[in-house]
Amino acid sequence: MTMTEQRRMESTIRALLENHPDPALHGWLRETIRSFENRLSGIIDPRERQQARDAALVLIKTTLQEWSRNPPVQH
């Protein structure tokens, strides 16, 4: 993923979060990022680490997009 693509992906993630202030969603994101950071820190090869980071961004963006289309029902 190029720097431009990465910035666009991060911008999309920020926009989705700004449009959906659900505390549970934001908590999920913080925990997910923390988990990925821990796992990525163990990858020695910089290219492999970047590929894993890119995959994590795609997973987060896709999950947020799905959540925004079909948010959980709160009772």
Protein backbone atom coordinates (compact mmCIF):
# COMPACT_ATOMS: atom_id res chain seq x y z
CA MET A 1 0.00 0.00 0.00
CA THR A 2 1.40 3.39 -0.93
CA MET A 3 1.54 6.30 1.52
CA THR A 4 -1.32 7.97 -0.36
CA GLU A 5 -3.47 4.83 -0.08
CA GLN A 6 -2.60 4.50 3.59
CA ARG A 7 -3.55 8.14 4.28
CA ARG A 8 -6.82 7.67 2.39
CA MET A 9 -7.58 4.52 4.39
CA GLU A 10 -6.83 6.27 7.69
CA SER A 11 -8.98 9.23 6.62
CA THR A 12 -11.87 6.88 5.83
CA ILE A 13 -11.52 5.25 9.24
CA ARG A 14 -11.52 8.65 10.98
CA ALA A 15 -14.61 9.76 9.03
CA LEU A 16 -16.48 6.59 9.94
CA LEU A 17 -15.64 7.09 13.61
CA GLU A 18 -16.68 10.74 13.56
CA ASN A 19 -20.04 9.79 12.06
CA HIS A 20 -20.62 7.04 14.62
CA PRO A 21 -19.76 8.12 18.17
CA ASP A 22 -20.85 4.79 19.72
CA PRO A 23 -18.55 4.20 22.74
CA ALA A 24 -18.58 0.43 22.15
CA LEU A 25 -17.32 0.92 18.60
CA HIS A 26 -14.56 3.26 19.72
CA GLY A 27 -13.61 0.83 22.49
CA TRP A 28 -13.45 -2.02 19.98
CA LEU A 29 -11.19 0.06 17.75
CA ARG A 30 -8.81 0.99 20.59
CA GLU A 31 -8.55 -2.65 21.70
CA THR A 32 -8.09 -3.88 18.12
CA ILE A 33 -5.33 -1.36 17.42
CA ARG A 34 -3.58 -2.25 20.68
CA SER A 35 -3.72 -5.95 19.79
CA PHE A 36 -2.37 -5.36 16.30
CA GLU A 37 0.43 -3.14 17.60
CA ASN A 38 1.51 -5.89 20.00
CA ARG A 39 1.51 -8.47 17.23
CA LEU A 40 3.21 -6.22 14.68
CA SER A 41 6.01 -5.37 17.10
CA GLY A 42 7.10 -9.02 16.94
CA ILE A 43 7.61 -8.97 13.17
CA ILE A 44 11.26 -8.29 12.39
CA ASP A 45 11.15 -7.94 8.59
CA PRO A 46 10.04 -4.35 7.80
CA ARG A 47 8.29 -5.34 4.56
CA GLU A 48 6.39 -8.13 6.25
CA ARG A 49 5.48 -5.78 9.13
CA GLN A 50 4.18 -3.18 6.63
CA GLN A 51 2.12 -5.81 4.81
CA ALA A 52 0.62 -6.92 8.12
CA ARG A 53 -0.12 -3.28 9.04
CA ASP A 54 -1.82 -2.76 5.67
CA ALA A 55 -3.92 -5.89 6.20
CA ALA A 56 -4.89 -4.65 9.67
CA LEU A 57 -6.02 -1.31 8.23
CA VAL A 58 -8.14 -3.09 5.61
CA LEU A 59 -9.73 -5.28 8.30
CA ILE A 60 -10.50 -2.28 10.51
CA LYS A 61 -11.91 -0.21 7.63
CA THR A 62 -14.05 -3.09 6.35
CA THR A 63 -15.39 -3.83 9.84
CA LEU A 64 -16.26 -0.17 10.40
CA GLN A 65 -17.97 0.07 7.02
CA GLU A 66 -20.05 -3.01 7.78
CA TRP A 67 -20.89 -1.65 11.20
CA SER A 68 -21.99 1.68 9.71
CA ARG A 69 -24.30 -0.12 7.26
CA ASN A 70 -25.78 -2.34 9.94
CA PRO A 71 -25.14 -1.01 13.46
CA PRO A 72 -26.06 -3.22 16.38
CA VAL A 73 -29.45 -2.62 17.92
CA GLN A 74 -29.24 -1.10 21.38
CA HIS A 75 -31.94 -1.80 23.92
